[in-house]
Amino acid sequence: MSTMLSNFDTWKKFLSERVKAAKNLGMSEVTISKLAFEIGQFLDAKVDPKNDEERVLKELWDVADDSERHTIARMMVKLAEKQR
């Protein structure tokens, strides 16, 4: 996972593939966004940012309240969907 996180474009492609797979399994946008939020929580607690983009996301996540964090997670899903 650390190799994937070292390059933001690779990370976005990985997210895109996972969002596509989740949709193919019939998961709703709401469920996917909730999972993205949980992944964000995990990354914030356990993973050190590996590049400038991730550092900015972490700083935004750290100053955001819960509602704003859910918005960031939804935006990351949208960004991943754009990668297709």
Protein backbone atom coordinates (compact mmCIF):
# COMPACT_ATOMS: atom_id res chain seq x y z
CA MET A 1 0.00 0.00 0.00
CA SER A 2 2.87 2.40 0.66
CA THR A 3 3.93 2.29 -3.02
CA MET A 4 0.39 3.12 -4.05
CA LEU A 5 0.24 6.01 -1.62
CA SER A 6 3.52 7.48 -2.81
CA ASN A 7 1.95 8.51 -6.13
CA PHE A 8 -1.35 10.39 -6.00
CA ASP A 9 -2.36 9.42 -9.55
CA THR A 10 -1.87 5.75 -8.67
CA TRP A 11 -3.96 6.27 -5.53
CA LYS A 12 -6.77 7.90 -7.54
CA LYS A 13 -6.70 5.01 -10.03
CA PHE A 14 -6.88 2.52 -7.16
CA LEU A 15 -9.85 4.40 -5.68
CA SER A 16 -11.53 4.53 -9.08
CA GLU A 17 -11.24 0.76 -9.46
CA ARG A 18 -12.66 0.18 -5.98
CA VAL A 19 -15.59 2.56 -6.53
CA LYS A 20 -16.39 0.84 -9.83
CA ALA A 21 -16.23 -2.59 -8.15
CA ALA A 22 -18.50 -1.40 -5.32
CA LYS A 23 -21.05 -0.09 -7.82
CA ASN A 24 -20.90 -3.37 -9.75
CA LEU A 25 -21.73 -5.15 -6.48
CA GLY A 26 -24.81 -2.95 -6.18
CA MET A 27 -23.61 -0.62 -3.42
CA SER A 28 -25.37 2.72 -3.28
CA GLU A 29 -23.64 6.11 -3.44
CA VAL A 30 -24.48 6.58 0.24
CA THR A 31 -22.83 3.29 1.22
CA ILE A 32 -19.76 4.04 -0.90
CA SER A 33 -19.46 7.49 0.68
CA LYS A 34 -19.74 5.99 4.17
CA LEU A 35 -16.97 3.53 3.33
CA ALA A 36 -14.85 6.39 1.95
CA PHE A 37 -15.34 8.23 5.25
CA GLU A 38 -14.21 5.16 7.22
CA ILE A 39 -11.17 4.79 4.97
CA GLY A 40 -10.38 8.47 5.54
CA GLN A 41 -10.60 7.95 9.30
CA PHE A 42 -8.25 4.96 9.05
CA LEU A 43 -5.74 6.78 6.84
CA ASP A 44 -5.78 9.80 9.14
CA ALA A 45 -5.03 7.65 12.18
CA LYS A 46 -2.62 5.09 10.70
CA VAL A 47 -0.92 6.36 7.53
CA ASP A 48 1.60 9.13 7.18
CA PRO A 49 1.06 11.26 4.02
CA LYS A 50 3.46 10.19 1.27
CA ASN A 51 3.12 13.17 -1.07
CA ASP A 52 2.02 16.81 -1.16
CA GLU A 53 -1.56 16.01 -2.22
CA GLU A 54 -2.06 13.59 0.64
CA ARG A 55 -0.53 16.08 3.07
CA VAL A 56 -3.07 18.72 1.98
CA LEU A 57 -5.93 16.21 2.35
CA LYS A 58 -4.70 15.28 5.83
CA GLU A 59 -4.50 18.93 6.87
CA LEU A 60 -8.04 19.53 5.58
CA TRP A 61 -9.27 16.37 7.33
CA ASP A 62 -7.62 17.44 10.58
CA VAL A 63 -9.35 20.84 10.68
CA ALA A 64 -12.72 19.55 9.45
CA ASP A 65 -15.65 18.63 11.64
CA ASP A 66 -17.48 15.33 11.06
CA SER A 67 -19.88 16.80 8.50
CA GLU A 68 -17.02 18.34 6.54
CA ARG A 69 -15.10 15.05 6.67
CA HIS A 70 -18.10 13.29 5.12
CA THR A 71 -18.05 15.94 2.39
CA ILE A 72 -14.34 15.36 1.78
CA ALA A 73 -14.99 11.62 1.54
CA ARG A 74 -17.81 12.18 -0.99
CA MET A 75 -15.55 14.47 -3.00
CA MET A 76 -12.84 11.80 -3.09
CA VAL A 77 -15.42 9.33 -4.44
CA LYS A 78 -16.36 11.85 -7.13
CA LEU A 79 -12.69 12.36 -7.96
CA ALA A 80 -12.24 8.60 -8.23
CA GLU A 81 -15.27 8.31 -10.50
CA LYS A 82 -13.77 10.96 -12.80
CA GLN A 83 -10.72 8.72 -13.31
CA ARG A 84 -12.64 6.25 -15.45
